[in-house]
Amino acid sequence: MLQARFKLDEEWQKVPILRQMGCIWRCSKSKLVDKLLKAKNTEERLRLKPDNVKTMKEWKRFVESRTSNEFKVII
């Protein structure tokens, strides 16, 4: 998909693009987790589901993992 979207002929061209994409992904995920932690209840958290998450089951699993006590200890 990356090569179809961008014209990357050389390997050295791919490295910075992939690195930047990784940084953007982590940043967006961090912002999403921040919103989850600030949400007042489960209903609010479920409404934060992004369009690219296919199923509500998948989203609920993500919300549970990011609002668990074990995750809060890590951050």
C-alpha atoms as a PDB file:
ATOM      1  CA  MET A   1       0.000   0.000   0.000  1.00  0.00           C
ATOM      2  CA  LEU A   2       2.817   2.356   0.852  1.00  0.00           C
ATOM      3  CA  GLN A   3       4.512   1.843  -2.498  1.00  0.00           C
ATOM      4  CA  ALA A   4       1.205   2.273  -4.334  1.00  0.00           C
ATOM      5  CA  ARG A   5       0.507   5.557  -2.549  1.00  0.00           C
ATOM      6  CA  PHE A   6       4.035   6.986  -2.778  1.00  0.00           C
ATOM      7  CA  LYS A   7       6.677   6.602  -5.432  1.00  0.00           C
ATOM      8  CA  LEU A   8       9.483   5.044  -3.411  1.00  0.00           C
ATOM      9  CA  ASP A   9      12.014   3.480  -5.732  1.00  0.00           C
ATOM     10  CA  GLU A  10      14.926   3.169  -3.352  1.00  0.00           C
ATOM     11  CA  GLU A  11      15.172   1.506   0.044  1.00  0.00           C
ATOM     12  CA  TRP A  12      16.614   4.672   1.619  1.00  0.00           C
ATOM     13  CA  GLN A  13      13.393   6.500   0.687  1.00  0.00           C
ATOM     14  CA  LYS A  14      11.228   4.036   2.611  1.00  0.00           C
ATOM     15  CA  VAL A  15      13.023   4.313   5.955  1.00  0.00           C
ATOM     16  CA  PRO A  16      12.169   7.956   6.795  1.00  0.00           C
ATOM     17  CA  ILE A  17       8.587   7.550   5.557  1.00  0.00           C
ATOM     18  CA  LEU A  18       8.003   4.452   7.705  1.00  0.00           C
ATOM     19  CA  ARG A  19       9.678   6.107  10.690  1.00  0.00           C
ATOM     20  CA  GLN A  20       7.454   9.183  10.360  1.00  0.00           C
ATOM     21  CA  MET A  21       4.352   7.019   9.971  1.00  0.00           C
ATOM     22  CA  GLY A  22       5.287   5.148  13.150  1.00  0.00           C
ATOM     23  CA  CYS A  23       5.667   8.413  15.073  1.00  0.00           C
ATOM     24  CA  ILE A  24       2.330   9.715  13.818  1.00  0.00           C
ATOM     25  CA  TRP A  25       0.618   6.425  14.713  1.00  0.00           C
ATOM     26  CA  ARG A  26       2.017   6.422  18.261  1.00  0.00           C
ATOM     27  CA  CYS A  27       1.072  10.068  18.744  1.00  0.00           C
ATOM     28  CA  SER A  28      -2.518   9.512  17.619  1.00  0.00           C
ATOM     29  CA  LYS A  29      -2.800   6.430  19.822  1.00  0.00           C
ATOM     30  CA  SER A  30      -1.467   8.376  22.818  1.00  0.00           C
ATOM     31  CA  LYS A  31      -4.005  11.144  22.252  1.00  0.00           C
ATOM     32  CA  LEU A  32      -6.782   8.566  22.024  1.00  0.00           C
ATOM     33  CA  VAL A  33      -5.720   6.893  25.272  1.00  0.00           C
ATOM     34  CA  ASP A  34      -5.595  10.317  26.935  1.00  0.00           C
ATOM     35  CA  LYS A  35      -9.201  10.950  25.872  1.00  0.00           C
ATOM     36  CA  LEU A  36     -10.202   7.503  27.155  1.00  0.00           C
ATOM     37  CA  LEU A  37      -8.689   8.159  30.554  1.00  0.00           C
ATOM     38  CA  LYS A  38     -10.396  11.557  30.805  1.00  0.00           C
ATOM     39  CA  ALA A  39     -13.826  10.158  29.852  1.00  0.00           C
ATOM     40  CA  LYS A  40     -16.188  10.059  32.828  1.00  0.00           C
ATOM     41  CA  ASN A  41     -17.860   6.722  32.143  1.00  0.00           C
ATOM     42  CA  THR A  42     -17.947   3.691  29.874  1.00  0.00           C
ATOM     43  CA  GLU A  43     -20.624   5.173  27.635  1.00  0.00           C
ATOM     44  CA  GLU A  44     -18.408   8.176  26.866  1.00  0.00           C
ATOM     45  CA  ARG A  45     -15.478   5.876  26.153  1.00  0.00           C
ATOM     46  CA  LEU A  46     -17.492   3.788  23.713  1.00  0.00           C
ATOM     47  CA  ARG A  47     -18.518   6.935  21.819  1.00  0.00           C
ATOM     48  CA  LEU A  48     -14.846   7.728  21.197  1.00  0.00           C
ATOM     49  CA  LYS A  49     -14.541   4.743  18.823  1.00  0.00           C
ATOM     50  CA  PRO A  50     -12.650   5.831  15.700  1.00  0.00           C
ATOM     51  CA  ASP A  51     -14.048   5.010  12.264  1.00  0.00           C
ATOM     52  CA  ASN A  52     -11.112   2.769  11.409  1.00  0.00           C
ATOM     53  CA  VAL A  53     -11.942   0.341  14.254  1.00  0.00           C
ATOM     54  CA  LYS A  54     -14.128  -2.252  12.579  1.00  0.00           C
ATOM     55  CA  THR A  55     -16.167  -3.750  15.393  1.00  0.00           C
ATOM     56  CA  MET A  56     -17.469  -2.605  18.740  1.00  0.00           C
ATOM     57  CA  LYS A  57     -16.101  -5.825  20.266  1.00  0.00           C
ATOM     58  CA  GLU A  58     -12.609  -4.869  19.115  1.00  0.00           C
ATOM     59  CA  TRP A  59     -13.060  -1.339  20.517  1.00  0.00           C
ATOM     60  CA  LYS A  60     -14.345  -2.593  23.880  1.00  0.00           C
ATOM     61  CA  ARG A  61     -11.313  -4.847  24.195  1.00  0.00           C
ATOM     62  CA  PHE A  62      -8.993  -1.875  23.503  1.00  0.00           C
ATOM     63  CA  VAL A  63     -10.856   0.331  26.007  1.00  0.00           C
ATOM     64  CA  GLU A  64     -10.687  -2.365  28.694  1.00  0.00           C
ATOM     65  CA  SER A  65      -6.962  -2.863  28.148  1.00  0.00           C
ATOM     66  CA  ARG A  66      -6.212   0.884  28.310  1.00  0.00           C
ATOM     67  CA  THR A  67      -8.381   1.567  31.353  1.00  0.00           C
ATOM     68  CA  SER A  68      -7.164  -1.435  33.346  1.00  0.00           C
ATOM     69  CA  ASN A  69      -5.227  -0.962  36.569  1.00  0.00           C
ATOM     70  CA  GLU A  70      -2.237  -2.799  35.043  1.00  0.00           C
ATOM     71  CA  PHE A  71      -2.019  -0.286  32.198  1.00  0.00           C
ATOM     72  CA  LYS A  72      -2.371   2.672  34.551  1.00  0.00           C
ATOM     73  CA  VAL A  73       0.625   1.404  36.531  1.00  0.00           C
ATOM     74  CA  ILE A  74       2.727   1.360  33.342  1.00  0.00           C
ATOM     75  CA  ILE A  75       1.964   4.958  32.445  1.00  0.00           C
END
